[in-house]
Amino acid sequence: MQVLLQSAFILHRRPYRNTSMLLEAFSSEYGRLGLIARGVAAPKSRLKAQLQPFIPLLLSWAGTGELATLIATEEMGLPIALLPNRVLAGLYVNELVVRLLPRLDPLPGLFVAYQTLLTELATASSEEPPLRRFEKRLLEELGYGLILDCEAVSGMPIVAEEQYRYVLDRGPLAIHRTEMGVLISGQGLLALRDGIFADSNVLSEVKRLTRAALAAQLHGRVLKTRELYRIKPTG
């Protein structure tokens, strides 16, 4: 099977044999896929510089199964110019997508969200709000979307002034109901629901919640980019 040119981004790449590379890509119509790019690391190849993260590409490949062969590539636009202090945030999201998305599962909505995230990382005054919005969307696409508008037991609407504990397999519970879960204010839950973060304290609460929810899906696997964030905590 040969797939004609598809919108895609490279998420990760590593050397393979002498002159080839193994690529993890995220495409608009086929989701995450693995590709062998033969000969691209050869001295005269012009593709090595093109097959990098954050460059909008058109890719064509051939083969069946989880690892296909790259046939052709074209740049679809200018590279998304992330400032040095935002590159780690982009690589963090790439690692999340590689670790959590199954291969060949079409997620066009998440692909659009990924494009939006990269644009926002390049232009927004802070990387935190775009990251939290993407983490929320990623959890939804995985089938583990967070309950953000009502208390899990009573079904009552979330009250901004109240405190809750978010238990991952249940949802937000009024603080008197449990001592487990991630402590978060109603304001934090509603901010994440709406994707609007006007307060740094709320952003910190939301970050604790989304990271806890993602950690549950990672099943103990440690993200390499998370370790780098501990050295340089910017995201």
C-alpha atoms as a PDB file:
ATOM      1  CA  MET A   1       0.000   0.000   0.000  1.00  0.00           C
ATOM      2  CA  GLN A   2       1.274   3.447  -0.889  1.00  0.00           C
ATOM      3  CA  VAL A   3      -0.071   6.552   0.805  1.00  0.00           C
ATOM      4  CA  LEU A   4       0.083   9.786  -1.167  1.00  0.00           C
ATOM      5  CA  LEU A   5       1.292  13.023   0.350  1.00  0.00           C
ATOM      6  CA  GLN A   6      -0.241  13.652   3.776  1.00  0.00           C
ATOM      7  CA  SER A   7       0.111  16.588   6.173  1.00  0.00           C
ATOM      8  CA  ALA A   8       2.431  15.528   8.979  1.00  0.00           C
ATOM      9  CA  PHE A   9       5.022  16.506  11.559  1.00  0.00           C
ATOM     10  CA  ILE A  10       8.096  14.587  12.673  1.00  0.00           C
ATOM     11  CA  LEU A  11       7.894  13.846  16.392  1.00  0.00           C
ATOM     12  CA  HIS A  12      11.171  11.997  16.879  1.00  0.00           C
ATOM     13  CA  ARG A  13      14.006  10.579  14.838  1.00  0.00           C
ATOM     14  CA  ARG A  14      17.008   8.370  15.467  1.00  0.00           C
ATOM     15  CA  PRO A  15      19.795   6.851  13.367  1.00  0.00           C
ATOM     16  CA  TYR A  16      19.192   3.461  11.753  1.00  0.00           C
ATOM     17  CA  ARG A  17      22.015   1.432  10.259  1.00  0.00           C
ATOM     18  CA  ASN A  18      24.553   3.500   8.321  1.00  0.00           C
ATOM     19  CA  THR A  19      22.637   6.136   6.391  1.00  0.00           C
ATOM     20  CA  SER A  20      18.995   5.722   7.348  1.00  0.00           C
ATOM     21  CA  MET A  21      16.739   6.983  10.127  1.00  0.00           C
ATOM     22  CA  LEU A  22      13.744   5.729  12.057  1.00  0.00           C
ATOM     23  CA  LEU A  23      11.036   8.366  12.326  1.00  0.00           C
ATOM     24  CA  GLU A  24       7.999   8.798  14.508  1.00  0.00           C
ATOM     25  CA  ALA A  25       5.532  10.999  12.649  1.00  0.00           C
ATOM     26  CA  PHE A  26       2.094  12.428  13.392  1.00  0.00           C
ATOM     27  CA  SER A  27      -0.141  12.716  10.324  1.00  0.00           C
ATOM     28  CA  SER A  28      -3.500  14.329   9.837  1.00  0.00           C
ATOM     29  CA  GLU A  29      -5.280  11.250   8.455  1.00  0.00           C
ATOM     30  CA  TYR A  30      -3.288   8.299   9.813  1.00  0.00           C
ATOM     31  CA  GLY A  31      -2.329   9.468  13.300  1.00  0.00           C
ATOM     32  CA  ARG A  32       1.017   8.382  14.713  1.00  0.00           C
ATOM     33  CA  LEU A  33       3.134   6.195  12.461  1.00  0.00           C
ATOM     34  CA  GLY A  34       6.622   4.765  12.263  1.00  0.00           C
ATOM     35  CA  LEU A  35       8.694   5.296   9.123  1.00  0.00           C
ATOM     36  CA  ILE A  36      12.057   4.128   7.804  1.00  0.00           C
ATOM     37  CA  ALA A  37      13.758   6.968   5.931  1.00  0.00           C
ATOM     38  CA  ARG A  38      16.396   5.222   3.854  1.00  0.00           C
ATOM     39  CA  GLY A  39      19.566   7.057   2.889  1.00  0.00           C
ATOM     40  CA  VAL A  40      18.555  10.392   4.423  1.00  0.00           C
ATOM     41  CA  ALA A  41      21.668  10.512   6.636  1.00  0.00           C
ATOM     42  CA  ALA A  42      24.000  10.104   3.666  1.00  0.00           C
ATOM     43  CA  PRO A  43      26.418  13.021   3.153  1.00  0.00           C
ATOM     44  CA  LYS A  44      24.703  14.228  -0.045  1.00  0.00           C
ATOM     45  CA  SER A  45      21.133  13.863   1.208  1.00  0.00           C
ATOM     46  CA  ARG A  46      19.123  17.063   1.455  1.00  0.00           C
ATOM     47  CA  LEU A  47      16.333  15.486   3.459  1.00  0.00           C
ATOM     48  CA  LYS A  48      18.035  15.159   6.847  1.00  0.00           C
ATOM     49  CA  ALA A  49      17.598  18.865   7.583  1.00  0.00           C
ATOM     50  CA  GLN A  50      13.967  18.675   6.497  1.00  0.00           C
ATOM     51  CA  LEU A  51      12.966  15.688   8.612  1.00  0.00           C
ATOM     52  CA  GLN A  52      12.986  17.484  11.955  1.00  0.00           C
ATOM     53  CA  PRO A  53      10.348  18.409  14.537  1.00  0.00           C
ATOM     54  CA  PHE A  54       8.180  21.503  14.133  1.00  0.00           C
ATOM     55  CA  ILE A  55       8.386  21.651  10.321  1.00  0.00           C
ATOM     56  CA  PRO A  56       5.016  21.260   8.524  1.00  0.00           C
ATOM     57  CA  LEU A  57       5.545  18.521   5.951  1.00  0.00           C
ATOM     58  CA  LEU A  58       3.808  16.495   3.294  1.00  0.00           C
ATOM     59  CA  LEU A  59       4.888  12.861   3.567  1.00  0.00           C
ATOM     60  CA  SER A  60       4.279   9.852   1.343  1.00  0.00           C
ATOM     61  CA  TRP A  61       5.052   6.286   2.404  1.00  0.00           C
ATOM     62  CA  ALA A  62       4.582   2.692   1.373  1.00  0.00           C
ATOM     63  CA  GLY A  63       4.080  -0.527   3.296  1.00  0.00           C
ATOM     64  CA  THR A  64       1.699  -2.159   5.722  1.00  0.00           C
ATOM     65  CA  GLY A  65       1.895  -2.629   9.458  1.00  0.00           C
ATOM     66  CA  GLU A  66       3.365  -0.283  12.025  1.00  0.00           C
ATOM     67  CA  LEU A  67       6.625   0.490  10.194  1.00  0.00           C
ATOM     68  CA  ALA A  68       6.456   1.773   6.622  1.00  0.00           C
ATOM     69  CA  THR A  69       9.043   3.186   4.215  1.00  0.00           C
ATOM     70  CA  LEU A  70       9.189   6.908   3.510  1.00  0.00           C
ATOM     71  CA  ILE A  71       8.804   7.561  -0.220  1.00  0.00           C
ATOM     72  CA  ALA A  72       8.691  11.340  -0.565  1.00  0.00           C
ATOM     73  CA  THR A  73       8.647  14.490   1.504  1.00  0.00           C
ATOM     74  CA  GLU A  74       7.877  18.132   0.814  1.00  0.00           C
ATOM     75  CA  GLU A  75       7.853  21.151   3.078  1.00  0.00           C
ATOM     76  CA  MET A  76       4.308  22.443   3.446  1.00  0.00           C
ATOM     77  CA  GLY A  77       5.294  25.818   4.870  1.00  0.00           C
ATOM     78  CA  LEU A  78       7.912  27.598   6.886  1.00  0.00           C
ATOM     79  CA  PRO A  79       9.238  25.856  10.002  1.00  0.00           C
ATOM     80  CA  ILE A  80       7.449  26.937  13.173  1.00  0.00           C
ATOM     81  CA  ALA A  81      10.123  29.033  14.831  1.00  0.00           C
ATOM     82  CA  LEU A  82      10.148  28.134  18.514  1.00  0.00           C
ATOM     83  CA  LEU A  83      12.402  30.249  20.682  1.00  0.00           C
ATOM     84  CA  PRO A  84      15.126  28.287  22.492  1.00  0.00           C
ATOM     85  CA  ASN A  85      13.187  28.457  25.769  1.00  0.00           C
ATOM     86  CA  ARG A  86      10.103  26.954  24.078  1.00  0.00           C
ATOM     87  CA  VAL A  87      11.780  24.071  22.238  1.00  0.00           C
ATOM     88  CA  LEU A  88      11.708  21.888  25.345  1.00  0.00           C
ATOM     89  CA  ALA A  89       7.951  22.449  25.666  1.00  0.00           C
ATOM     90  CA  GLY A  90       7.496  21.303  22.063  1.00  0.00           C
ATOM     91  CA  LEU A  91       9.674  18.247  22.612  1.00  0.00           C
ATOM     92  CA  TYR A  92       7.702  17.429  25.777  1.00  0.00           C
ATOM     93  CA  VAL A  93       4.465  17.353  23.784  1.00  0.00           C
ATOM     94  CA  ASN A  94       6.107  15.277  21.047  1.00  0.00           C
ATOM     95  CA  GLU A  95       7.208  12.733  23.640  1.00  0.00           C
ATOM     96  CA  LEU A  96       3.711  12.588  25.102  1.00  0.00           C
ATOM     97  CA  VAL A  97       2.226  11.879  21.677  1.00  0.00           C
ATOM     98  CA  VAL A  98       4.807   9.168  20.952  1.00  0.00           C
ATOM     99  CA  ARG A  99       4.330   7.494  24.334  1.00  0.00           C
ATOM    100  CA  LEU A 100       0.551   7.666  24.568  1.00  0.00           C
ATOM    101  CA  LEU A 101      -0.981   7.472  21.095  1.00  0.00           C
ATOM    102  CA  PRO A 102      -1.389   4.068  19.470  1.00  0.00           C
ATOM    103  CA  ARG A 103      -0.048   3.871  15.955  1.00  0.00           C
ATOM    104  CA  LEU A 104      -2.328   4.243  12.938  1.00  0.00           C
ATOM    105  CA  ASP A 105      -5.255   5.642  14.923  1.00  0.00           C
ATOM    106  CA  PRO A 106      -6.603   8.644  12.973  1.00  0.00           C
ATOM    107  CA  LEU A 107      -7.113  11.640  15.263  1.00  0.00           C
ATOM    108  CA  PRO A 108      -7.624  14.640  12.954  1.00  0.00           C
ATOM    109  CA  GLY A 109      -8.938  16.815  15.781  1.00  0.00           C
ATOM    110  CA  LEU A 110      -5.828  16.227  17.851  1.00  0.00           C
ATOM    111  CA  PHE A 111      -3.657  16.945  14.816  1.00  0.00           C
ATOM    112  CA  VAL A 112      -5.310  20.359  14.494  1.00  0.00           C
ATOM    113  CA  ALA A 113      -4.842  20.907  18.242  1.00  0.00           C
ATOM    114  CA  TYR A 114      -1.158  20.042  17.824  1.00  0.00           C
ATOM    115  CA  GLN A 115      -0.763  22.570  15.022  1.00  0.00           C
ATOM    116  CA  THR A 116      -2.483  25.194  17.180  1.00  0.00           C
ATOM    117  CA  LEU A 117      -0.223  24.374  20.108  1.00  0.00           C
ATOM    118  CA  LEU A 118       2.953  24.864  18.073  1.00  0.00           C
ATOM    119  CA  THR A 119       1.690  28.209  16.772  1.00  0.00           C
ATOM    120  CA  GLU A 120       0.835  29.315  20.311  1.00  0.00           C
ATOM    121  CA  LEU A 121       4.202  28.186  21.654  1.00  0.00           C
ATOM    122  CA  ALA A 122       5.821  30.388  19.023  1.00  0.00           C
ATOM    123  CA  THR A 123       3.694  33.444  19.733  1.00  0.00           C
ATOM    124  CA  ALA A 124       2.071  33.378  23.193  1.00  0.00           C
ATOM    125  CA  SER A 125       3.519  35.272  26.136  1.00  0.00           C
ATOM    126  CA  SER A 126       3.547  32.088  28.239  1.00  0.00           C
ATOM    127  CA  GLU A 127       3.839  28.429  27.299  1.00  0.00           C
ATOM    128  CA  GLU A 128       1.749  27.219  30.241  1.00  0.00           C
ATOM    129  CA  PRO A 129      -1.820  27.867  28.972  1.00  0.00           C
ATOM    130  CA  PRO A 130      -1.225  26.231  25.554  1.00  0.00           C
ATOM    131  CA  LEU A 131       0.365  23.199  27.221  1.00  0.00           C
ATOM    132  CA  ARG A 132      -2.531  22.743  29.638  1.00  0.00           C
ATOM    133  CA  ARG A 133      -5.100  23.025  26.843  1.00  0.00           C
ATOM    134  CA  PHE A 134      -3.269  20.431  24.769  1.00  0.00           C
ATOM    135  CA  GLU A 135      -2.874  18.050  27.712  1.00  0.00           C
ATOM    136  CA  LYS A 136      -6.624  18.271  28.318  1.00  0.00           C
ATOM    137  CA  ARG A 137      -7.382  17.564  24.653  1.00  0.00           C
ATOM    138  CA  LEU A 138      -4.928  14.660  24.574  1.00  0.00           C
ATOM    139  CA  LEU A 139      -6.634  13.040  27.575  1.00  0.00           C
ATOM    140  CA  GLU A 140      -9.998  13.433  25.840  1.00  0.00           C
ATOM    141  CA  GLU A 141      -8.719  11.795  22.650  1.00  0.00           C
ATOM    142  CA  LEU A 142      -7.335   8.902  24.689  1.00  0.00           C
ATOM    143  CA  GLY A 143     -10.772   8.338  26.211  1.00  0.00           C
ATOM    144  CA  TYR A 144      -9.820   9.662  29.652  1.00  0.00           C
ATOM    145  CA  GLY A 145     -11.278  13.141  29.505  1.00  0.00           C
ATOM    146  CA  LEU A 146     -11.558  14.970  32.811  1.00  0.00           C
ATOM    147  CA  ILE A 147     -14.904  15.807  34.413  1.00  0.00           C
ATOM    148  CA  LEU A 148     -14.752  19.552  34.937  1.00  0.00           C
ATOM    149  CA  ASP A 149     -18.290  20.872  35.230  1.00  0.00           C
ATOM    150  CA  CYS A 150     -19.966  18.919  38.054  1.00  0.00           C
ATOM    151  CA  GLU A 151     -19.207  17.217  41.366  1.00  0.00           C
ATOM    152  CA  ALA A 152     -18.931  13.465  40.874  1.00  0.00           C
ATOM    153  CA  VAL A 153     -21.273  12.318  43.670  1.00  0.00           C
ATOM    154  CA  SER A 154     -23.968  14.980  43.826  1.00  0.00           C
ATOM    155  CA  GLY A 155     -23.892  16.041  40.179  1.00  0.00           C
ATOM    156  CA  MET A 156     -24.050  19.650  41.346  1.00  0.00           C
ATOM    157  CA  PRO A 157     -22.317  22.254  39.180  1.00  0.00           C
ATOM    158  CA  ILE A 158     -18.753  23.118  40.142  1.00  0.00           C
ATOM    159  CA  VAL A 159     -18.583  26.264  42.289  1.00  0.00           C
ATOM    160  CA  ALA A 160     -15.564  28.467  41.655  1.00  0.00           C
ATOM    161  CA  GLU A 161     -15.188  29.407  45.333  1.00  0.00           C
ATOM    162  CA  GLU A 162     -15.270  25.813  46.616  1.00  0.00           C
ATOM    163  CA  GLN A 163     -12.394  23.347  47.064  1.00  0.00           C
ATOM    164  CA  TYR A 164     -12.386  19.854  45.579  1.00  0.00           C
ATOM    165  CA  ARG A 165     -10.209  16.768  45.335  1.00  0.00           C
ATOM    166  CA  TYR A 166      -9.998  15.175  41.916  1.00  0.00           C
ATOM    167  CA  VAL A 167      -9.958  11.371  42.119  1.00  0.00           C
ATOM    168  CA  LEU A 168      -8.895  10.141  38.704  1.00  0.00           C
ATOM    169  CA  ASP A 169     -11.288   7.213  38.370  1.00  0.00           C
ATOM    170  CA  ARG A 170     -14.248   9.173  39.737  1.00  0.00           C
ATOM    171  CA  GLY A 171     -13.945  12.899  39.089  1.00  0.00           C
ATOM    172  CA  PRO A 172     -14.019  15.976  41.334  1.00  0.00           C
ATOM    173  CA  LEU A 173     -15.313  15.361  44.835  1.00  0.00           C
ATOM    174  CA  ALA A 174     -16.273  17.936  47.447  1.00  0.00           C
ATOM    175  CA  ILE A 175     -13.336  18.227  49.806  1.00  0.00           C
ATOM    176  CA  HIS A 176     -15.248  16.762  52.775  1.00  0.00           C
ATOM    177  CA  ARG A 177     -15.919  13.517  50.888  1.00  0.00           C
ATOM    178  CA  THR A 178     -12.338  12.238  50.586  1.00  0.00           C
ATOM    179  CA  GLU A 179      -8.732  12.793  51.563  1.00  0.00           C
ATOM    180  CA  MET A 180      -7.488  11.261  48.311  1.00  0.00           C
ATOM    181  CA  GLY A 181      -6.926  12.870  44.934  1.00  0.00           C
ATOM    182  CA  VAL A 182      -5.482  16.101  43.603  1.00  0.00           C
ATOM    183  CA  LEU A 183      -6.501  19.180  45.551  1.00  0.00           C
ATOM    184  CA  ILE A 184      -7.916  21.813  43.201  1.00  0.00           C
ATOM    185  CA  SER A 185     -10.261  24.763  43.467  1.00  0.00           C
ATOM    186  CA  GLY A 186     -13.509  25.066  41.586  1.00  0.00           C
ATOM    187  CA  GLN A 187     -11.935  28.021  39.834  1.00  0.00           C
ATOM    188  CA  GLY A 188      -9.169  25.733  38.575  1.00  0.00           C
ATOM    189  CA  LEU A 189     -11.615  23.132  37.270  1.00  0.00           C
ATOM    190  CA  LEU A 190     -13.638  25.736  35.429  1.00  0.00           C
ATOM    191  CA  ALA A 191     -10.542  27.403  34.027  1.00  0.00           C
ATOM    192  CA  LEU A 192      -9.396  24.085  32.558  1.00  0.00           C
ATOM    193  CA  ARG A 193     -12.888  23.406  31.223  1.00  0.00           C
ATOM    194  CA  ASP A 194     -12.902  26.745  29.406  1.00  0.00           C
ATOM    195  CA  GLY A 195      -9.197  26.826  28.542  1.00  0.00           C
ATOM    196  CA  ILE A 196      -8.856  30.324  29.991  1.00  0.00           C
ATOM    197  CA  PHE A 197      -6.165  30.890  32.610  1.00  0.00           C
ATOM    198  CA  ALA A 198      -5.887  34.363  34.077  1.00  0.00           C
ATOM    199  CA  ASP A 199      -4.248  33.489  37.395  1.00  0.00           C
ATOM    200  CA  SER A 200      -0.856  31.879  38.017  1.00  0.00           C
ATOM    201  CA  ASN A 201      -2.101  30.030  41.100  1.00  0.00           C
ATOM    202  CA  VAL A 202      -4.907  28.496  39.064  1.00  0.00           C
ATOM    203  CA  LEU A 203      -2.399  27.442  36.400  1.00  0.00           C
ATOM    204  CA  SER A 204      -0.331  25.666  39.059  1.00  0.00           C
ATOM    205  CA  GLU A 205      -3.408  23.789  40.287  1.00  0.00           C
ATOM    206  CA  VAL A 206      -4.379  22.785  36.773  1.00  0.00           C
ATOM    207  CA  LYS A 207      -0.849  21.626  35.999  1.00  0.00           C
ATOM    208  CA  ARG A 208      -0.883  19.288  39.004  1.00  0.00           C
ATOM    209  CA  LEU A 209      -4.159  17.782  37.812  1.00  0.00           C
ATOM    210  CA  THR A 210      -3.257  17.262  34.146  1.00  0.00           C
ATOM    211  CA  ARG A 211       0.153  15.879  35.027  1.00  0.00           C
ATOM    212  CA  ALA A 212      -1.398  13.419  37.494  1.00  0.00           C
ATOM    213  CA  ALA A 213      -3.916  12.299  34.865  1.00  0.00           C
ATOM    214  CA  LEU A 214      -1.184  11.846  32.256  1.00  0.00           C
ATOM    215  CA  ALA A 215       1.034   9.986  34.728  1.00  0.00           C
ATOM    216  CA  ALA A 216      -1.773   7.467  35.204  1.00  0.00           C
ATOM    217  CA  GLN A 217      -1.746   6.799  31.453  1.00  0.00           C
ATOM    218  CA  LEU A 218       2.043   6.541  31.332  1.00  0.00           C
ATOM    219  CA  HIS A 219       1.916   3.707  33.888  1.00  0.00           C
ATOM    220  CA  GLY A 220       5.147   4.652  35.588  1.00  0.00           C
ATOM    221  CA  ARG A 221       7.154   5.445  32.465  1.00  0.00           C
ATOM    222  CA  VAL A 222       9.310   8.522  32.997  1.00  0.00           C
ATOM    223  CA  LEU A 223       9.402  11.156  30.270  1.00  0.00           C
ATOM    224  CA  LYS A 224      12.918  12.204  29.280  1.00  0.00           C
ATOM    225  CA  THR A 225      11.747  15.762  28.731  1.00  0.00           C
ATOM    226  CA  ARG A 226      10.201  15.829  32.212  1.00  0.00           C
ATOM    227  CA  GLU A 227      13.640  15.061  33.630  1.00  0.00           C
ATOM    228  CA  LEU A 228      15.020  18.023  31.676  1.00  0.00           C
ATOM    229  CA  TYR A 229      12.261  20.224  33.087  1.00  0.00           C
ATOM    230  CA  ARG A 230      13.500  19.369  36.557  1.00  0.00           C
ATOM    231  CA  ILE A 231      16.877  20.775  35.565  1.00  0.00           C
ATOM    232  CA  LYS A 232      15.313  23.817  33.916  1.00  0.00           C
ATOM    233  CA  PRO A 233      11.717  24.173  35.216  1.00  0.00           C
ATOM    234  CA  THR A 234       9.975  26.215  32.531  1.00  0.00           C
ATOM    235  CA  GLY A 235       6.853  24.178  31.657  1.00  0.00           C
END
